[in-house]
Amino acid sequence: MITFDTHPSRYRHWKLAFDGAVATLSMDVREDAGLSPDYKLKLNSYDLGVDIELADAIQRLRFEHPEVHAVIVTSLKERIFCAGANIMMLRGASHGAKVNFCKYTNETRLAIEDASENSGITFLAALNGICAGGGYELALACDRIVLVDDGNSAVSLPEAPLLGVLPGTGGLTRVVDKRRVRRDLADFFSTLVEGVKGKRAVEWKLVDEVHPTSQFKEAVQKRARELAAPSDRPASGPGIALNPLNPTVTESAIKYSAVTLTIHRDKRTADLTVQAPSGPQPSTPEEIGQAGDQFWALRAFRELDDALLRLRVNEPEIGTVVIRTEGDRDAVLAIDATLAAYRSHWLVREIVLFMKRTLKRMDLTSRTFFAFIEPGSAFAGSLFELALASDRSYMFHDDSEENVVALSPMNAGPLPMSNGLTRLEARFLGEKGRVQELLEHDGPFNAAEAEELGLVTFAPDEIDWDDEVRLAVEARTAFSPDAMTGLEANLRFAGPETMETKIFGRLTAWQNWIFQRPNAVGEKGALRAYGEQGRPEFDWKRT
């Protein structure tokens, strides 16, 4: 079983160092420490384990080190920044493992960009040597790229000419959409195995600066200090420690303090239940800081994030997930009010941003999600986002009208989707004024109101509930999982296109398709042939 909990004391591939407002995150991949013994992680190439540590480091920089305003991402290996995703790992991986690997690395790089955009942390890629494939995609996620000019070091995206696949972590999209490289130059660059170096890399906008070896380290440090200066993060700590989640794991369940994932493998379904907080909750940033990582909003969403990741990589045959909530909805609404009131505080901001990224993780998970809103549920405010993120929602219509849902300021903007819209805006696309009316509604919505206003999909009564929800789940599990992945990815992101939706849309469609084509993964495909004698053999027909 692959797990996602780690700590800097256990890192095997990254080293963190701190110098005032600047942190240095150095890649130093251990060849013999891959997730599988079937390959060696040579030349700072990486697998999922390397990226799990990177994601953890980014998270800790945001929460544990508020004094850090800029991060240098570099390598400790001489004349090598990163050779990208390990090719032997990709060659031996199952199709699902390849796609999930690409998805996770995308999310990690988007977390870097999220920190740049919203947290006051600027990232500087210091390319001290060869930077290829996924290594360059990591650099592209940073705000600025500085390349050593030693006559040998270059940036490249060689996947198409070498492996018959595409850069899997948004490389093509970031080159043209983010760095504004001309399309014709990007086309040439993406078919050039040896890459581009020196002044040409700057002229084509592939990097921002080049410096000779003798000046490289000094130039990087100077630029990092400049980038750190405008940050609005605190000048000093302390932050809050992110302690291990320590779930109880059995054959059929993963139980955290506020989240439980129960697996029904015989039915290819799972139940994912989130427990609302109880009792008085912190109501100021100071009290939240004292609670640390046990503050419910952070703890519950960290647990939810971990459960989603474990579901993705360890349970490929679980296709339908039923989302439930339990507990005190008023406690959720009270927490939401505090988060909304103090969003400018660095710690509250980071918690809200983490909640946003976790909900995006759910949006981007290729599983069907059905929300079941039953008596005793706590689908309110930030937890109601789980229902809005679901593909359908079923709300029990009780005669007493005690089963209700509620909105809060957290539904009004702090937790946007990848398309830049709130989930309410995406739900009511083209219905001007509807979202504002719902947000201004006084009090919660009972089942009849929620169904009439479109907040839930269906609201069966006591007579129909059991049969309707059972048949809905059984019908869903009978469909082709490939068709459902495509269907859900097409429907979840209505509205505007962003760089983020482009990246994941292309990953879901093109990369998913290319990873199954014989030209890439067949017996004589380019990915299978890499490192072996002989050339790949292609089916030359275009489709």
Protein backbone atom coordinates (compact mmCIF):
# COMPACT_ATOMS: atom_id res chain seq x y z
CA MET A 1 0.00 0.00 0.00
CA ILE A 2 1.30 3.45 -0.94
CA THR A 3 0.99 6.06 1.81
CA PHE A 4 1.43 9.82 1.63
CA ASP A 5 2.52 10.71 5.17
CA THR A 6 6.17 11.70 5.48
CA HIS A 7 8.43 14.16 7.31
CA PRO A 8 11.70 15.98 6.54
CA SER A 9 13.50 13.68 8.97
CA ARG A 10 12.52 10.77 6.70
CA TYR A 11 13.17 12.40 3.32
CA ARG A 12 15.41 10.33 1.07
CA HIS A 13 15.39 12.60 -1.97
CA TRP A 14 15.11 16.22 -0.84
CA LYS A 15 16.92 18.50 1.61
CA LEU A 16 15.49 21.66 3.15
CA ALA A 17 17.70 24.51 4.33
CA PHE A 18 16.74 27.91 5.73
CA ASP A 19 18.43 31.29 5.63
CA GLY A 20 16.09 33.95 6.94
CA ALA A 21 13.41 34.76 4.38
CA VAL A 22 14.86 32.34 1.81
CA ALA A 23 14.58 28.55 1.93
CA THR A 24 16.45 26.19 -0.36
CA LEU A 25 14.79 22.96 -1.45
CA SER A 26 17.46 20.75 -2.97
CA MET A 27 16.87 17.63 -5.03
CA ASP A 28 19.30 14.80 -4.23
CA VAL A 29 17.52 11.63 -5.34
CA ARG A 30 18.83 8.34 -3.98
CA GLU A 31 19.14 5.91 -6.87
CA ASP A 32 18.31 2.88 -4.74
CA ALA A 33 15.31 4.39 -2.90
CA GLY A 34 12.53 4.16 -5.46
CA LEU A 35 9.10 2.83 -4.58
CA SER A 36 10.04 -0.33 -6.45
CA PRO A 37 13.39 -2.18 -6.71
CA ASP A 38 12.75 -2.67 -10.44
CA TYR A 39 14.43 0.59 -11.42
CA LYS A 40 17.19 2.97 -10.35
CA LEU A 41 16.47 6.67 -9.94
CA LYS A 42 19.53 7.85 -11.82
CA LEU A 43 20.34 11.48 -12.67
CA ASN A 44 17.79 12.88 -10.20
CA SER A 45 14.99 11.15 -12.08
CA TYR A 46 11.92 10.67 -9.96
CA ASP A 47 8.97 8.44 -9.16
CA LEU A 48 5.87 9.00 -7.04
CA GLY A 49 7.89 8.66 -3.83
CA VAL A 50 10.09 11.62 -4.79
CA ASP A 51 7.02 13.73 -5.48
CA ILE A 52 5.32 12.73 -2.22
CA GLU A 53 8.30 14.25 -0.40
CA LEU A 54 8.19 17.36 -2.60
CA ALA A 55 4.48 17.87 -1.87
CA ASP A 56 5.14 17.45 1.85
CA ALA A 57 7.97 19.99 1.75
CA ILE A 58 5.80 22.58 0.01
CA GLN A 59 3.05 22.03 2.57
CA ARG A 60 5.45 22.43 5.50
CA LEU A 61 6.99 25.58 4.07
CA ARG A 62 3.52 27.10 3.96
CA PHE A 63 2.41 26.11 7.46
CA GLU A 64 5.54 25.61 9.55
CA HIS A 65 7.72 28.42 8.20
CA PRO A 66 5.78 31.67 7.80
CA GLU A 67 9.11 33.53 7.79
CA VAL A 68 9.97 31.98 4.40
CA HIS A 69 9.11 34.37 1.58
CA ALA A 70 11.07 32.80 -1.29
CA VAL A 71 12.16 29.26 -2.12
CA ILE A 72 15.09 28.25 -4.28
CA VAL A 73 14.46 24.89 -5.97
CA THR A 74 17.76 23.37 -7.07
CA SER A 75 19.88 20.20 -7.09
CA LEU A 76 22.83 18.93 -5.07
CA LYS A 77 24.09 16.79 -7.92
CA GLU A 78 26.91 18.23 -10.00
CA ARG A 79 25.81 19.49 -13.44
CA ILE A 80 22.38 17.81 -13.12
CA PHE A 81 19.16 19.47 -12.07
CA CYS A 82 16.67 16.73 -12.91
CA ALA A 83 16.29 14.19 -15.71
CA GLY A 84 12.51 14.04 -15.21
CA ALA A 85 10.24 11.11 -14.48
CA ASN A 86 12.12 7.83 -14.38
CA ILE A 87 11.58 6.13 -17.71
CA MET A 88 12.06 2.58 -16.46
CA MET A 89 9.47 3.29 -13.78
CA LEU A 90 7.01 4.50 -16.43
CA ARG A 91 7.79 1.57 -18.72
CA GLY A 92 7.01 -0.98 -16.02
CA ALA A 93 4.03 0.80 -14.47
CA SER A 94 0.42 -0.15 -15.11
CA HIS A 95 -1.67 2.27 -17.15
CA GLY A 96 -3.54 3.45 -14.06
CA ALA A 97 -0.30 3.97 -12.14
CA LYS A 98 1.11 6.11 -14.95
CA VAL A 99 -1.97 8.32 -15.14
CA ASN A 100 -2.26 8.69 -11.35
CA PHE A 101 1.44 9.54 -11.17
CA CYS A 102 0.96 12.29 -13.74
CA LYS A 103 -2.12 13.57 -11.93
CA TYR A 104 -0.35 13.77 -8.56
CA THR A 105 2.71 15.51 -9.98
CA ASN A 106 0.38 18.01 -11.66
CA GLU A 107 -1.35 18.73 -8.37
CA THR A 108 1.98 19.18 -6.61
CA ARG A 109 3.19 21.71 -9.16
CA LEU A 110 -0.14 23.50 -9.01
CA ALA A 111 0.34 23.72 -5.22
CA ILE A 112 3.60 25.55 -5.92
CA GLU A 113 1.78 27.96 -8.21
CA ASP A 114 -1.00 28.37 -5.65
CA ALA A 115 1.59 29.35 -3.03
CA SER A 116 3.06 31.86 -5.48
CA GLU A 117 -0.30 33.39 -6.31
CA ASN A 118 -1.93 33.41 -2.90
CA SER A 119 0.56 32.83 -0.06
CA GLY A 120 3.30 35.36 -0.65
CA ILE A 121 5.94 32.73 -1.44
CA THR A 122 7.95 33.14 -4.64
CA PHE A 123 9.70 30.13 -6.18
CA LEU A 124 12.99 30.37 -8.07
CA ALA A 125 14.22 27.38 -10.07
CA ALA A 126 18.03 27.36 -10.03
CA LEU A 127 18.97 24.96 -12.82
CA ASN A 128 22.56 24.01 -12.08
CA GLY A 129 22.75 21.44 -14.87
CA ILE A 130 20.78 19.35 -17.32
CA CYS A 131 17.03 19.86 -16.92
CA ALA A 132 14.83 17.51 -18.95
CA GLY A 133 11.20 16.42 -19.13
CA GLY A 134 9.56 16.46 -15.73
CA GLY A 135 12.55 18.34 -14.35
CA TYR A 136 11.77 21.24 -16.67
CA GLU A 137 8.09 20.89 -15.80
CA LEU A 138 9.04 21.40 -12.14
CA ALA A 139 10.99 24.51 -13.18
CA LEU A 140 7.99 25.74 -15.18
CA ALA A 141 5.88 25.68 -12.01
CA CYS A 142 8.26 28.19 -10.41
CA ASP A 143 7.95 31.96 -10.85
CA ARG A 144 11.42 32.43 -12.31
CA ILE A 145 13.95 30.12 -13.92
CA VAL A 146 17.71 30.72 -13.81
CA LEU A 147 19.92 28.40 -15.91
CA VAL A 148 23.67 27.93 -15.55
CA ASP A 149 25.52 28.82 -18.74
CA ASP A 150 28.28 26.20 -18.77
CA GLY A 151 28.13 25.22 -22.44
CA ASN A 152 26.35 21.96 -21.62
CA SER A 153 23.26 22.60 -19.48
CA ALA A 154 19.96 22.87 -21.34
CA VAL A 155 16.22 22.68 -20.80
CA SER A 156 14.21 20.16 -22.80
CA LEU A 157 10.89 18.37 -23.17
CA PRO A 158 12.05 15.25 -25.05
CA GLU A 159 9.04 12.99 -24.37
CA ALA A 160 7.60 13.07 -27.89
CA PRO A 161 10.81 12.26 -29.83
CA LEU A 162 12.23 9.83 -27.24
CA LEU A 163 9.21 8.05 -25.76
CA GLY A 164 6.26 8.62 -28.06
CA VAL A 165 4.29 10.31 -25.27
CA LEU A 166 3.67 13.89 -24.11
CA PRO A 167 5.06 15.83 -21.16
CA GLY A 168 2.68 14.59 -18.47
CA THR A 169 2.82 17.47 -16.00
CA GLY A 170 1.44 20.32 -18.05
CA GLY A 171 4.70 21.11 -19.80
CA LEU A 172 3.28 21.99 -23.20
CA THR A 173 0.49 24.06 -21.66
CA ARG A 174 2.80 26.00 -19.34
CA VAL A 175 5.31 26.72 -22.10
CA VAL A 176 2.74 28.53 -24.25
CA ASP A 177 0.11 29.68 -21.73
CA LYS A 178 2.32 30.65 -18.80
CA ARG A 179 5.70 31.53 -20.29
CA ARG A 180 4.17 32.83 -23.54
CA VAL A 181 6.63 31.00 -25.78
CA ARG A 182 5.70 31.40 -29.43
CA ARG A 183 3.82 28.39 -30.77
CA ASP A 184 6.25 27.67 -33.60
CA LEU A 185 9.25 27.88 -31.27
CA ALA A 186 7.46 25.67 -28.73
CA ASP A 187 6.79 23.14 -31.50
CA PHE A 188 10.47 22.99 -32.45
CA PHE A 189 11.57 22.91 -28.81
CA SER A 190 9.23 20.02 -28.00
CA THR A 191 10.72 17.82 -30.74
CA LEU A 192 14.36 18.60 -29.90
CA VAL A 193 15.93 15.86 -27.76
CA GLU A 194 18.99 17.89 -26.81
CA GLY A 195 16.96 20.92 -25.73
CA VAL A 196 17.87 24.60 -25.75
CA LYS A 197 20.59 26.30 -23.71
CA GLY A 198 22.27 29.63 -23.07
CA LYS A 199 21.10 32.89 -24.58
CA ARG A 200 18.69 31.15 -26.96
CA ALA A 201 16.79 29.75 -23.97
CA VAL A 202 16.35 33.31 -22.68
CA GLU A 203 15.43 34.71 -26.10
CA TRP A 204 12.75 32.05 -26.53
CA LYS A 205 11.43 32.74 -22.99
CA LEU A 206 12.16 29.18 -21.89
CA VAL A 207 14.17 30.57 -18.96
CA ASP A 208 14.48 34.06 -17.46
CA GLU A 209 18.22 34.34 -16.94
CA VAL A 210 21.48 32.54 -17.64
CA HIS A 211 24.70 33.04 -15.70
CA PRO A 212 28.15 31.50 -16.07
CA THR A 213 29.18 28.92 -13.50
CA SER A 214 31.42 31.39 -11.66
CA GLN A 215 28.51 33.78 -11.07
CA PHE A 216 25.60 31.35 -10.86
CA LYS A 217 25.24 30.80 -7.08
CA GLU A 218 25.69 34.47 -6.25
CA ALA A 219 23.15 35.51 -8.91
CA VAL A 220 20.62 32.98 -7.60
CA GLN A 221 20.95 34.19 -4.01
CA LYS A 222 20.65 37.83 -5.06
CA ARG A 223 17.55 37.17 -7.14
CA ALA A 224 15.95 35.11 -4.34
CA ARG A 225 16.41 37.99 -1.86
CA GLU A 226 14.80 40.38 -4.31
CA LEU A 227 11.86 38.05 -4.84
CA ALA A 228 11.37 37.62 -1.09
CA ALA A 229 11.18 41.33 -0.36
CA PRO A 230 7.55 42.12 -1.37
CA SER A 231 5.96 39.21 0.53
CA ASP A 232 3.18 39.91 3.02
CA ARG A 233 4.04 36.86 5.15
CA PRO A 234 5.26 37.41 8.74
CA ALA A 235 8.89 38.35 9.27
CA SER A 236 9.26 35.55 11.80
CA GLY A 237 7.56 32.45 13.14
CA PRO A 238 6.38 30.43 14.75
CA GLY A 239 4.25 28.41 12.39
CA ILE A 240 2.30 25.30 13.27
CA ALA A 241 3.63 21.76 13.03
CA LEU A 242 1.90 19.29 10.73
CA ASN A 243 1.92 16.10 12.77
CA PRO A 244 1.29 12.59 11.40
CA LEU A 245 -2.35 11.71 10.75
CA ASN A 246 -1.95 8.16 12.08
CA PRO A 247 -5.16 6.60 10.74
CA THR A 248 -6.26 3.15 11.82
CA VAL A 249 -6.02 0.97 8.73
CA THR A 250 -7.79 -2.37 8.35
CA GLU A 251 -8.55 -4.56 5.36
CA SER A 252 -11.79 -2.73 4.66
CA ALA A 253 -11.48 0.69 6.27
CA ILE A 254 -9.26 3.67 6.98
CA LYS A 255 -10.39 5.57 10.08
CA TYR A 256 -9.05 9.00 11.01
CA SER A 257 -10.28 11.31 13.77
CA ALA A 258 -12.85 13.08 11.56
CA VAL A 259 -12.91 11.01 8.36
CA THR A 260 -13.72 7.37 7.73
CA LEU A 261 -13.28 5.59 4.40
CA THR A 262 -15.02 2.19 4.26
CA ILE A 263 -14.33 -0.05 1.26
CA HIS A 264 -16.87 -2.51 -0.20
CA ARG A 265 -14.74 -4.35 -2.76
CA ASP A 266 -17.42 -6.89 -3.62
CA LYS A 267 -19.66 -4.01 -4.73
CA ARG A 268 -16.83 -1.80 -6.08
CA THR A 269 -18.06 1.04 -3.86
CA ALA A 270 -16.88 2.99 -0.82
CA ASP A 271 -18.43 5.16 1.88
CA LEU A 272 -16.56 8.35 2.77
CA THR A 273 -17.89 10.01 5.92
CA VAL A 274 -16.74 13.34 7.38
CA GLN A 275 -17.51 14.13 11.02
CA ALA A 276 -18.31 17.75 11.88
CA PRO A 277 -16.74 19.30 14.98
CA SER A 278 -18.52 19.48 18.30
CA GLY A 279 -18.44 21.95 21.14
CA PRO A 280 -16.92 25.45 21.19
CA GLN A 281 -14.49 26.17 18.36
CA PRO A 282 -11.58 28.64 18.10
CA SER A 283 -12.89 32.01 17.01
CA THR A 284 -9.70 34.05 16.53
CA PRO A 285 -6.41 33.48 14.65
CA GLU A 286 -4.63 33.27 18.00
CA GLU A 287 -6.91 30.48 19.20
CA ILE A 288 -6.52 28.71 15.86
CA GLY A 289 -2.74 28.94 16.23
CA GLN A 290 -2.97 27.44 19.70
CA ALA A 291 -5.05 24.56 18.36
CA GLY A 292 -2.43 24.02 15.64
CA ASP A 293 -2.99 21.12 13.29
CA GLN A 294 -5.83 19.89 15.53
CA PHE A 295 -8.04 22.79 14.47
CA TRP A 296 -10.97 20.96 12.88
CA ALA A 297 -10.92 22.67 9.47
CA LEU A 298 -7.25 21.80 8.92
CA ARG A 299 -7.36 18.36 10.53
CA ALA A 300 -10.50 17.16 8.77
CA PHE A 301 -9.42 18.36 5.35
CA ARG A 302 -5.92 16.91 5.76
CA GLU A 303 -7.59 13.59 6.55
CA LEU A 304 -9.95 13.93 3.61
CA ASP A 305 -7.04 14.72 1.31
CA ASP A 306 -5.12 11.66 2.49
CA ALA A 307 -8.18 9.42 2.10
CA LEU A 308 -8.72 10.60 -1.48
CA LEU A 309 -5.10 9.93 -2.38
CA ARG A 310 -5.13 6.44 -0.85
CA LEU A 311 -8.37 5.69 -2.69
CA ARG A 312 -6.85 6.78 -5.99
CA VAL A 313 -3.65 4.77 -5.91
CA ASN A 314 -4.55 1.76 -3.77
CA GLU A 315 -8.15 0.98 -4.76
CA PRO A 316 -8.39 1.18 -8.56
CA GLU A 317 -11.53 -0.96 -8.77
CA ILE A 318 -13.56 1.21 -6.40
CA GLY A 319 -15.57 3.28 -8.85
CA THR A 320 -18.41 4.84 -6.84
CA VAL A 321 -18.01 6.69 -3.54
CA VAL A 322 -20.92 7.72 -1.32
CA ILE A 323 -20.20 10.94 0.59
CA ARG A 324 -21.84 11.47 3.97
CA THR A 325 -21.40 13.94 6.80
CA GLU A 326 -22.38 13.70 10.44
CA GLY A 327 -22.59 16.03 13.42
CA ASP A 328 -23.25 19.62 14.32
CA ARG A 329 -23.78 21.78 11.23
CA ASP A 330 -23.90 24.93 13.39
CA ALA A 331 -20.34 24.23 14.54
CA VAL A 332 -19.27 24.04 10.89
CA LEU A 333 -20.99 27.34 10.15
CA ALA A 334 -19.29 28.96 13.16
CA ILE A 335 -15.88 27.84 11.93
CA ASP A 336 -16.70 29.08 8.44
CA ALA A 337 -17.62 32.50 9.83
CA THR A 338 -14.26 32.69 11.63
CA LEU A 339 -12.33 31.63 8.52
CA ALA A 340 -14.15 34.19 6.39
CA ALA A 341 -13.63 36.98 8.92
CA TYR A 342 -9.87 36.46 9.29
CA ARG A 343 -8.83 35.37 5.79
CA SER A 344 -6.12 38.05 5.66
CA HIS A 345 -4.26 36.40 8.56
CA TRP A 346 -1.47 34.22 7.14
CA LEU A 347 -2.43 31.04 9.01
CA VAL A 348 -6.16 31.32 8.33
CA ARG A 349 -5.32 32.02 4.70
CA GLU A 350 -3.22 28.86 4.47
CA ILE A 351 -5.97 26.74 6.03
CA VAL A 352 -8.56 28.05 3.57
CA LEU A 353 -6.17 27.52 0.65
CA PHE A 354 -5.56 23.95 1.80
CA MET A 355 -9.30 23.32 1.98
CA LYS A 356 -9.55 24.66 -1.56
CA ARG A 357 -6.80 22.32 -2.83
CA THR A 358 -8.40 19.32 -1.13
CA LEU A 359 -11.76 20.01 -2.76
CA LYS A 360 -9.97 20.38 -6.10
CA ARG A 361 -8.40 16.98 -5.43
CA MET A 362 -11.91 15.59 -5.14
CA ASP A 363 -12.99 17.36 -8.36
CA LEU A 364 -10.04 15.80 -10.17
CA THR A 365 -10.41 12.28 -8.79
CA SER A 366 -11.69 9.85 -11.40
CA ARG A 367 -14.36 8.31 -9.22
CA THR A 368 -18.11 8.83 -9.16
CA PHE A 369 -19.18 10.76 -6.06
CA PHE A 370 -22.78 10.65 -4.82
CA ALA A 371 -23.67 12.73 -1.76
CA PHE A 372 -26.32 11.22 0.54
CA ILE A 373 -27.86 13.94 2.72
CA GLU A 374 -29.66 12.16 5.54
CA PRO A 375 -31.06 13.13 8.97
CA GLY A 376 -28.14 14.02 11.23
CA SER A 377 -26.03 15.23 8.34
CA ALA A 378 -23.83 18.32 8.54
CA PHE A 379 -23.84 19.43 4.91
CA ALA A 380 -23.39 23.09 5.74
CA GLY A 381 -21.01 25.71 4.39
CA SER A 382 -17.60 24.24 3.67
CA LEU A 383 -18.96 20.70 4.11
CA PHE A 384 -21.77 21.45 1.67
CA GLU A 385 -18.98 21.91 -0.89
CA LEU A 386 -18.66 18.11 -0.78
CA ALA A 387 -22.23 17.82 -2.04
CA LEU A 388 -21.65 20.49 -4.68
CA ALA A 389 -18.50 18.67 -5.80
CA SER A 390 -20.38 15.38 -6.11
CA ASP A 391 -21.74 14.20 -9.43
CA ARG A 392 -25.20 13.89 -7.86
CA SER A 393 -26.76 14.56 -4.47
CA TYR A 394 -29.69 12.74 -2.88
CA MET A 395 -31.43 14.43 0.06
CA PHE A 396 -33.85 12.56 2.33
CA HIS A 397 -37.20 14.37 2.41
CA ASP A 398 -38.44 13.91 5.96
CA ASP A 399 -41.91 14.98 7.07
CA SER A 400 -40.51 16.92 10.03
CA GLU A 401 -38.27 18.95 7.69
CA GLU A 402 -35.37 18.64 10.12
CA ASN A 403 -33.01 17.34 7.44
CA VAL A 404 -31.53 20.55 6.05
CA VAL A 405 -28.52 21.98 4.22
CA ALA A 406 -27.03 25.43 4.70
CA LEU A 407 -24.72 27.87 2.96
CA SER A 408 -22.04 30.13 4.42
CA PRO A 409 -19.53 32.73 3.21
CA MET A 410 -17.22 29.82 2.36
CA ASN A 411 -19.57 28.94 -0.52
CA ALA A 412 -19.24 32.46 -1.91
CA GLY A 413 -15.68 32.48 -3.22
CA PRO A 414 -12.86 31.21 -0.96
CA LEU A 415 -12.99 27.63 -2.35
CA PRO A 416 -13.00 27.97 -6.16
CA MET A 417 -12.71 25.12 -8.65
CA SER A 418 -9.96 24.76 -11.25
CA ASN A 419 -12.04 26.83 -13.68
CA GLY A 420 -11.95 29.81 -11.32
CA LEU A 421 -15.67 29.59 -10.48
CA THR A 422 -17.25 28.67 -7.19
CA ARG A 423 -19.12 25.38 -7.26
CA LEU A 424 -22.38 27.30 -6.94
CA GLU A 425 -21.44 29.44 -9.97
CA ALA A 426 -20.53 26.34 -11.97
CA ARG A 427 -23.80 24.68 -10.91
CA PHE A 428 -25.94 27.62 -12.00
CA LEU A 429 -23.93 28.70 -15.01
CA GLY A 430 -25.86 31.27 -17.01
CA GLU A 431 -28.44 31.92 -14.28
CA LYS A 432 -27.55 35.45 -13.28
CA GLY A 433 -28.58 36.38 -9.79
CA ARG A 434 -29.38 32.82 -8.68
CA VAL A 435 -26.20 32.35 -6.66
CA GLN A 436 -26.58 35.66 -4.83
CA GLU A 437 -30.19 34.86 -4.00
CA LEU A 438 -29.17 31.54 -2.51
CA LEU A 439 -26.35 33.09 -0.49
CA GLU A 440 -28.73 35.75 0.86
CA HIS A 441 -31.35 33.17 1.87
CA ASP A 442 -32.13 33.40 5.57
CA GLY A 443 -31.44 30.12 7.31
CA PRO A 444 -31.05 26.56 6.07
CA PHE A 445 -32.91 24.82 3.23
CA ASN A 446 -35.15 21.82 3.83
CA ALA A 447 -35.30 19.01 1.27
CA ALA A 448 -38.21 20.42 -0.72
CA GLU A 449 -36.58 23.86 -0.93
CA ALA A 450 -33.16 22.44 -1.79
CA GLU A 451 -34.59 20.34 -4.63
CA GLU A 452 -36.74 23.13 -5.99
CA LEU A 453 -33.86 25.61 -5.94
CA GLY A 454 -31.43 23.16 -7.51
CA LEU A 455 -29.09 22.74 -4.55
CA VAL A 456 -29.58 18.94 -4.65
CA THR A 457 -30.37 16.57 -7.48
CA PHE A 458 -33.19 14.52 -5.98
CA ALA A 459 -35.12 14.49 -2.69
CA PRO A 460 -36.86 11.11 -2.26
CA ASP A 461 -39.21 10.63 0.66
CA GLU A 462 -39.18 7.81 3.21
CA ILE A 463 -41.10 5.47 0.90
CA ASP A 464 -38.68 5.81 -2.02
CA TRP A 465 -35.36 6.61 -0.33
CA ASP A 466 -33.86 3.15 0.18
CA ASP A 467 -34.72 1.86 -3.28
CA GLU A 468 -33.78 5.04 -5.12
CA VAL A 469 -30.32 5.44 -3.62
CA ARG A 470 -29.60 1.71 -3.87
CA LEU A 471 -30.57 1.59 -7.54
CA ALA A 472 -28.57 4.75 -8.27
CA VAL A 473 -25.38 3.21 -6.89
CA GLU A 474 -25.97 -0.18 -8.50
CA ALA A 475 -26.66 1.40 -11.90
CA ARG A 476 -23.53 3.54 -11.70
CA THR A 477 -21.26 0.62 -10.89
CA ALA A 478 -22.56 -1.23 -13.96
CA PHE A 479 -21.31 1.41 -16.43
CA SER A 480 -17.91 1.29 -18.14
CA PRO A 481 -15.37 2.93 -15.81
CA ASP A 482 -13.60 4.45 -18.83
CA ALA A 483 -16.81 6.04 -20.04
CA MET A 484 -17.57 7.37 -16.55
CA THR A 485 -14.09 8.90 -16.24
CA GLY A 486 -14.60 10.73 -19.51
CA LEU A 487 -18.18 11.69 -18.72
CA GLU A 488 -17.34 13.12 -15.29
CA ALA A 489 -14.29 15.02 -16.52
CA ASN A 490 -16.40 16.62 -19.24
CA LEU A 491 -19.22 17.65 -16.92
CA ARG A 492 -17.43 18.81 -13.77
CA PHE A 493 -15.81 21.96 -15.18
CA ALA A 494 -18.49 23.95 -16.93
CA GLY A 495 -17.67 27.51 -17.86
CA PRO A 496 -14.32 29.18 -18.56
CA GLU A 497 -11.12 27.41 -19.55
CA THR A 498 -8.01 28.04 -17.46
CA MET A 499 -4.46 26.78 -17.65
CA GLU A 500 -5.37 24.36 -14.87
CA THR A 501 -8.44 22.90 -16.62
CA LYS A 502 -6.46 22.64 -19.85
CA ILE A 503 -3.74 20.67 -18.11
CA PHE A 504 -6.13 18.20 -16.51
CA GLY A 505 -8.45 18.00 -19.50
CA ARG A 506 -5.53 17.07 -21.73
CA LEU A 507 -4.21 14.63 -19.14
CA THR A 508 -7.58 12.92 -18.88
CA ALA A 509 -8.07 12.70 -22.63
CA TRP A 510 -4.82 12.83 -24.59
CA GLN A 511 -2.34 11.38 -22.12
CA ASN A 512 -4.80 8.71 -21.02
CA TRP A 513 -5.19 7.73 -24.68
CA ILE A 514 -1.51 7.97 -25.65
CA PHE A 515 -0.45 5.81 -22.69
CA GLN A 516 -2.53 2.98 -24.15
CA ARG A 517 -1.43 3.30 -27.78
CA PRO A 518 0.96 0.68 -29.22
CA ASN A 519 3.18 3.46 -30.59
CA ALA A 520 4.06 4.28 -26.97
CA VAL A 521 3.54 1.13 -24.90
CA GLY A 522 3.29 -1.71 -27.45
CA GLU A 523 5.98 -4.37 -27.69
CA LYS A 524 7.92 -2.16 -30.11
CA GLY A 525 6.58 1.19 -28.89
CA ALA A 526 8.90 4.07 -28.06
CA LEU A 527 8.47 3.87 -24.29
CA ARG A 528 9.07 0.13 -24.27
CA ALA A 529 12.02 0.41 -26.66
CA TYR A 530 13.84 3.14 -24.72
CA GLY A 531 17.18 1.91 -23.44
CA GLU A 532 17.01 -1.25 -25.51
CA GLN A 533 18.76 -2.12 -28.75
CA GLY A 534 16.86 -1.22 -31.88
CA ARG A 535 14.46 1.54 -32.78
CA PRO A 536 10.75 1.75 -32.02
CA GLU A 537 8.32 0.72 -34.72
CA PHE A 538 5.28 2.91 -35.29
CA ASP A 539 1.90 2.46 -36.87
CA TRP A 540 2.13 5.52 -39.12
CA LYS A 541 -1.61 6.07 -39.53
CA ARG A 542 -2.91 9.30 -38.02
CA THR A 543 -6.22 9.05 -36.13
